[in-house]
């Protein structure tokens, strides 16, 4: 599996104290074995320790059940994690910095959303976002109906089914405001959750 042709200057790479490796395919493996793309001669590193995988324009970090673990920005990786420019990956005694020259090319007016409905995990511009239970229900409802305006009544029914019709407009508005503060680059000028006068709120995905 190979990446689409692109100018050499746009290749992502990993840098560490004693070397640098440009990533030229959609998978980059790191470990102690000579069969890896990046070989780390360190007894703390497993033979096949970790891999970087490109999926739908995003780079992900996968620990391959290594003995001593993989750490992303100081936190142990327990599941696949999205990577962003400047992230630090610690493997054994080595600290590798992920460099993505295309990162600035990906920045547009609409934040990049990665959402795993099976786990509820949400990343915005490659940063994990932690939502409260009600914020998550609202986001999931808007996500499932992306592009379609949802009225306050529809949102109330989806988010507060226990209250039936006992939900006020200000509660919906307050919840939308809190969600915007967590996922919008500029909550005062939202580009993800848009208000359509007389119709409700719409999730705008690129």
Protein backbone atom coordinates (compact mmCIF):
# COMPACT_ATOMS: atom_id res chain seq x y z
CA UNK A 1 0.00 0.00 0.00
CA UNK A 2 1.58 3.28 -1.11
CA UNK A 3 0.76 6.91 -0.66
CA UNK A 4 -0.31 8.99 -3.60
CA UNK A 5 2.54 10.81 -5.31
CA UNK A 6 3.38 14.08 -3.66
CA UNK A 7 6.29 16.49 -3.61
CA UNK A 8 9.18 15.33 -1.45
CA UNK A 9 8.98 18.42 0.73
CA UNK A 10 5.53 17.34 1.89
CA UNK A 11 6.61 13.95 3.24
CA UNK A 12 6.03 13.49 6.97
CA UNK A 13 8.96 12.25 9.02
CA UNK A 14 10.10 11.13 12.45
CA UNK A 15 13.07 12.87 14.07
CA UNK A 16 15.06 11.80 17.11
CA UNK A 17 18.42 12.65 18.66
CA UNK A 18 20.44 10.36 16.40
CA UNK A 19 18.46 10.28 13.20
CA UNK A 20 15.54 11.14 10.95
CA UNK A 21 13.27 8.98 8.79
CA UNK A 22 10.97 10.18 6.03
CA UNK A 23 7.73 8.18 5.82
CA UNK A 24 7.24 7.18 2.19
CA UNK A 25 4.38 4.67 2.50
CA UNK A 26 1.09 4.40 4.38
CA UNK A 27 2.62 2.21 7.10
CA UNK A 28 5.80 2.79 9.08
CA UNK A 29 6.91 0.18 11.63
CA UNK A 30 9.34 0.76 14.48
CA UNK A 31 11.09 -1.86 16.58
CA UNK A 32 14.28 -3.73 17.41
CA UNK A 33 14.10 -6.11 14.44
CA UNK A 34 15.98 -5.21 11.25
CA UNK A 35 12.75 -5.81 9.32
CA UNK A 36 11.24 -2.56 10.62
CA UNK A 37 11.33 0.75 8.77
CA UNK A 38 12.98 2.32 11.80
CA UNK A 39 15.29 0.11 13.86
CA UNK A 40 15.97 1.04 17.49
CA UNK A 41 18.80 -0.95 19.07
CA UNK A 42 17.44 -0.87 22.61
CA UNK A 43 16.62 -3.87 24.87
CA UNK A 44 13.53 -2.00 26.08
CA UNK A 45 12.12 -1.97 22.56
CA UNK A 46 10.13 -4.97 21.29
CA UNK A 47 10.99 -6.60 17.97
CA UNK A 48 7.85 -5.07 16.40
CA UNK A 49 6.99 -2.31 18.83
CA UNK A 50 4.74 0.22 17.16
CA UNK A 51 3.47 1.36 13.76
CA UNK A 52 2.28 4.59 12.20
CA UNK A 53 -0.65 4.08 9.86
CA UNK A 54 -2.17 6.55 7.43
CA UNK A 55 -5.97 6.33 7.14
CA UNK A 56 -8.15 8.85 5.28
CA UNK A 57 -5.64 11.72 5.43
CA UNK A 58 -4.90 11.08 9.12
CA UNK A 59 -1.85 9.48 10.74
CA UNK A 60 -2.52 7.08 13.62
CA UNK A 61 -0.19 5.55 16.20
CA UNK A 62 -0.70 1.85 17.01
CA UNK A 63 1.18 0.08 19.80
CA UNK A 64 1.77 -3.53 18.68
CA UNK A 65 1.33 -5.12 22.12
CA UNK A 66 4.86 -4.09 23.05
CA UNK A 67 6.31 -5.26 26.35
CA UNK A 68 7.27 -1.85 27.72
CA UNK A 69 4.62 0.26 26.03
CA UNK A 70 4.55 3.32 23.81
CA UNK A 71 4.05 6.84 25.15
CA UNK A 72 2.50 9.74 23.24
CA UNK A 73 3.27 13.14 24.77
CA UNK A 74 3.97 11.41 28.10
CA UNK A 75 0.81 9.31 28.14
CA UNK A 76 0.84 5.54 27.56
CA UNK A 77 -0.94 4.50 24.37
CA UNK A 78 -3.68 1.95 25.07
CA UNK A 79 -5.58 2.26 21.79
CA UNK A 80 -4.90 3.75 18.35
CA UNK A 81 -4.27 7.49 18.69
CA UNK A 82 -4.32 10.19 15.99
CA UNK A 83 -1.06 12.05 15.47
CA UNK A 84 -0.53 15.74 14.95
CA UNK A 85 2.50 17.78 13.95
CA UNK A 86 4.98 18.06 16.84
CA UNK A 87 3.76 15.03 18.82
CA UNK A 88 6.45 13.23 20.81
CA UNK A 89 6.53 9.42 20.80
CA UNK A 90 8.65 7.68 23.44
CA UNK A 91 9.73 4.14 22.64
CA UNK A 92 12.20 2.66 25.09
CA UNK A 93 14.84 5.33 25.63
CA UNK A 94 14.20 7.07 22.33
CA UNK A 95 11.93 10.09 21.89
CA UNK A 96 10.78 10.58 18.30
CA UNK A 97 9.04 13.74 17.10
CA UNK A 98 6.37 13.40 14.43
CA UNK A 99 6.71 16.14 11.82
CA UNK A 100 3.94 16.68 9.29
CA UNK A 101 4.84 19.41 6.76
CA UNK A 102 1.32 19.18 5.33
CA UNK A 103 -0.31 20.07 8.65
CA UNK A 104 -0.69 23.73 7.71
CA UNK A 105 -2.17 22.69 4.35
CA UNK A 106 -4.93 20.80 6.14
CA UNK A 107 -6.03 23.78 8.20
CA UNK A 108 -9.19 25.31 6.78
CA UNK A 109 -12.09 27.25 8.13
CA UNK A 110 -13.78 24.05 9.36
CA UNK A 111 -12.07 21.99 12.09
CA UNK A 112 -11.15 18.41 11.23
CA UNK A 113 -13.44 15.94 13.04
CA UNK A 114 -12.58 12.31 13.77
CA UNK A 115 -15.33 10.50 15.65
CA UNK A 116 -15.51 6.83 16.64
CA UNK A 117 -19.17 6.09 17.41
CA UNK A 118 -18.37 2.64 18.79
CA UNK A 119 -16.26 4.10 21.62
CA UNK A 120 -17.55 7.66 21.74
CA UNK A 121 -14.00 9.01 21.23
CA UNK A 122 -13.84 12.40 19.53
CA UNK A 123 -10.87 14.29 18.13
CA UNK A 124 -10.99 17.82 16.75
CA UNK A 125 -7.96 18.99 14.77
CA UNK A 126 -6.22 15.83 16.06
CA UNK A 127 -6.79 16.76 19.71
CA UNK A 128 -8.91 14.54 21.96
CA UNK A 129 -12.09 16.25 23.17
CA UNK A 130 -13.82 15.09 26.33
CA UNK A 131 -17.57 15.66 26.39
CA UNK A 132 -20.03 15.41 29.25
CA UNK A 133 -22.74 12.73 28.85
CA UNK A 134 -25.33 15.24 27.57
CA UNK A 135 -22.80 16.96 25.30
CA UNK A 136 -21.93 13.58 23.84
CA UNK A 137 -25.59 12.70 23.20
CA UNK A 138 -26.09 16.05 21.46
CA UNK A 139 -22.97 15.66 19.33
CA UNK A 140 -23.87 12.09 18.39
CA UNK A 141 -27.41 13.14 17.44
CA UNK A 142 -26.13 15.99 15.25
CA UNK A 143 -23.44 13.74 13.77
CA UNK A 144 -25.97 11.06 12.80
CA UNK A 145 -28.02 13.79 11.12
CA UNK A 146 -25.10 15.82 9.73
CA UNK A 147 -26.18 18.41 7.19
CA UNK A 148 -29.83 18.31 8.29
CA UNK A 149 -31.12 21.09 10.60
CA UNK A 150 -32.49 19.76 13.90
CA UNK A 151 -35.14 21.72 15.75
CA UNK A 152 -34.90 22.46 19.46
CA UNK A 153 -37.80 20.07 20.03
CA UNK A 154 -35.99 17.27 18.20
CA UNK A 155 -32.82 17.94 20.17
CA UNK A 156 -34.76 18.01 23.45
CA UNK A 157 -36.36 14.65 22.67
CA UNK A 158 -32.99 13.11 21.80
CA UNK A 159 -30.97 14.54 24.68
CA UNK A 160 -33.55 14.60 27.48
CA UNK A 161 -35.95 11.70 26.77
CA UNK A 162 -36.55 11.39 30.51
CA UNK A 163 -38.18 14.84 30.59
CA UNK A 164 -40.46 14.30 27.59
CA UNK A 165 -41.82 17.78 26.77
CA UNK A 166 -40.46 19.43 29.94
CA UNK A 167 -37.38 20.97 28.26
CA UNK A 168 -37.00 24.70 27.77
CA UNK A 169 -35.32 26.46 24.85
CA UNK A 170 -32.65 27.95 27.10
CA UNK A 171 -31.52 24.44 28.13
CA UNK A 172 -30.96 23.47 24.48
CA UNK A 173 -29.24 26.77 23.75
CA UNK A 174 -26.99 26.40 26.79
CA UNK A 175 -25.98 22.85 25.83
CA UNK A 176 -25.24 23.89 22.24
CA UNK A 177 -23.11 26.75 23.57
CA UNK A 178 -21.08 24.41 25.80
CA UNK A 179 -20.53 21.97 22.94
CA UNK A 180 -19.42 24.78 20.65
CA UNK A 181 -16.91 25.92 23.26
CA UNK A 182 -15.30 22.48 23.13
CA UNK A 183 -15.23 21.79 19.39
CA UNK A 184 -15.19 25.14 17.58
CA UNK A 185 -12.01 27.08 16.90
CA UNK A 186 -13.93 30.29 17.57
CA UNK A 187 -17.19 29.57 19.43
CA UNK A 188 -18.39 33.10 18.71
CA UNK A 189 -18.13 32.42 14.96
CA UNK A 190 -19.02 28.72 14.71
CA UNK A 191 -18.24 26.77 11.56
CA UNK A 192 -19.27 23.28 12.77
CA UNK A 193 -22.58 23.77 14.57
CA UNK A 194 -24.53 26.27 12.54
CA UNK A 195 -27.77 27.99 13.50
CA UNK A 196 -30.45 28.09 10.81
CA UNK A 197 -33.10 30.62 11.75
CA UNK A 198 -36.47 29.00 12.19
CA UNK A 199 -35.09 25.49 11.53
CA UNK A 200 -32.64 24.72 14.34
CA UNK A 201 -29.02 23.57 14.49
CA UNK A 202 -27.03 21.77 11.81
CA UNK A 203 -23.69 19.97 12.06
CA UNK A 204 -21.53 21.11 9.17
CA UNK A 205 -18.89 18.54 8.24
CA UNK A 206 -16.38 19.10 5.41
